[in-house]
């Protein structure tokens, strides 16, 4: 899931379209979602397994690293 904490819905929709995102995205205007995952800045990634184990990366990640982490989570479950 993608979470944005600033910008208008139009700007968010344009970002989603520009990057071809196919997963759900929400606006977290008050920062509640970010706070619940201890995310203090963007870009950030939160990788969470079904058991609730989380790894937070507060930096941009290359696509191959994202895919590797997602595959590791998938294979461990």
Protein backbone atom coordinates (compact mmCIF):
# COMPACT_ATOMS: atom_id res chain seq x y z
CA UNK A 1 0.00 0.00 0.00
CA UNK A 2 1.20 3.49 -0.79
CA UNK A 3 0.73 6.26 1.74
CA UNK A 4 1.11 9.97 1.01
CA UNK A 5 1.08 12.57 3.75
CA UNK A 6 1.05 15.76 1.72
CA UNK A 7 -0.29 17.08 -1.55
CA UNK A 8 -3.72 17.23 -3.05
CA UNK A 9 -5.63 14.19 -4.22
CA UNK A 10 -4.99 15.39 -7.79
CA UNK A 11 -1.22 15.47 -7.19
CA UNK A 12 -1.36 12.01 -5.65
CA UNK A 13 -3.42 10.67 -8.56
CA UNK A 14 -0.90 12.17 -11.02
CA UNK A 15 2.00 10.51 -9.12
CA UNK A 16 0.19 7.15 -9.21
CA UNK A 17 -0.45 7.52 -12.94
CA UNK A 18 3.08 8.72 -13.76
CA UNK A 19 4.66 5.76 -11.98
CA UNK A 20 2.10 3.18 -13.12
CA UNK A 21 1.26 2.14 -9.55
CA UNK A 22 -1.29 -0.66 -9.37
CA UNK A 23 -1.60 -1.03 -5.60
CA UNK A 24 -3.91 0.92 -3.26
CA UNK A 25 -2.76 4.38 -2.19
CA UNK A 26 -4.17 6.55 0.60
CA UNK A 27 -3.66 10.10 1.84
CA UNK A 28 -2.48 10.33 5.46
CA UNK A 29 -2.98 14.08 5.92
CA UNK A 30 -2.71 13.99 9.70
CA UNK A 31 0.29 11.62 9.75
CA UNK A 32 -1.45 8.95 11.84
CA UNK A 33 -0.45 6.06 9.56
CA UNK A 34 3.15 7.25 9.31
CA UNK A 35 3.36 7.59 13.11
CA UNK A 36 1.98 4.10 13.65
CA UNK A 37 4.86 2.71 11.57
CA UNK A 38 7.49 5.09 13.05
CA UNK A 39 8.10 6.72 9.68
CA UNK A 40 9.49 10.24 10.08
CA UNK A 41 10.21 11.18 6.46
CA UNK A 42 9.70 10.26 2.83
CA UNK A 43 10.69 8.29 0.91
CA UNK A 44 10.27 5.36 3.24
CA UNK A 45 9.42 1.70 2.97
CA UNK A 46 7.89 -0.55 5.60
CA UNK A 47 8.25 -4.27 4.97
CA UNK A 48 5.98 -6.29 7.23
CA UNK A 49 5.53 -10.03 7.37
CA UNK A 50 2.24 -11.73 8.16
CA UNK A 51 3.56 -12.33 11.68
CA UNK A 52 3.99 -8.58 12.19
CA UNK A 53 7.77 -8.34 11.94
CA UNK A 54 8.65 -4.94 10.46
CA UNK A 55 11.67 -3.43 8.81
CA UNK A 56 11.51 0.31 8.14
CA UNK A 57 13.82 1.85 5.53
CA UNK A 58 13.75 5.67 5.47
CA UNK A 59 15.37 6.08 2.09
CA UNK A 60 14.74 5.47 -1.59
CA UNK A 61 15.35 1.86 -2.59
CA UNK A 62 16.20 0.48 -6.02
CA UNK A 63 13.57 -1.75 -7.59
CA UNK A 64 15.72 -4.88 -7.34
CA UNK A 65 16.13 -4.42 -3.58
CA UNK A 66 12.39 -3.88 -3.13
CA UNK A 67 11.66 -7.04 -5.09
CA UNK A 68 14.27 -9.00 -3.14
CA UNK A 69 12.79 -7.96 0.21
CA UNK A 70 9.24 -8.73 -0.92
CA UNK A 71 10.33 -12.15 -2.21
CA UNK A 72 12.05 -12.89 1.10
CA UNK A 73 8.88 -12.05 3.01
CA UNK A 74 6.76 -14.15 0.67
CA UNK A 75 9.09 -17.16 0.88
CA UNK A 76 9.27 -17.02 4.68
CA UNK A 77 5.52 -17.37 5.13
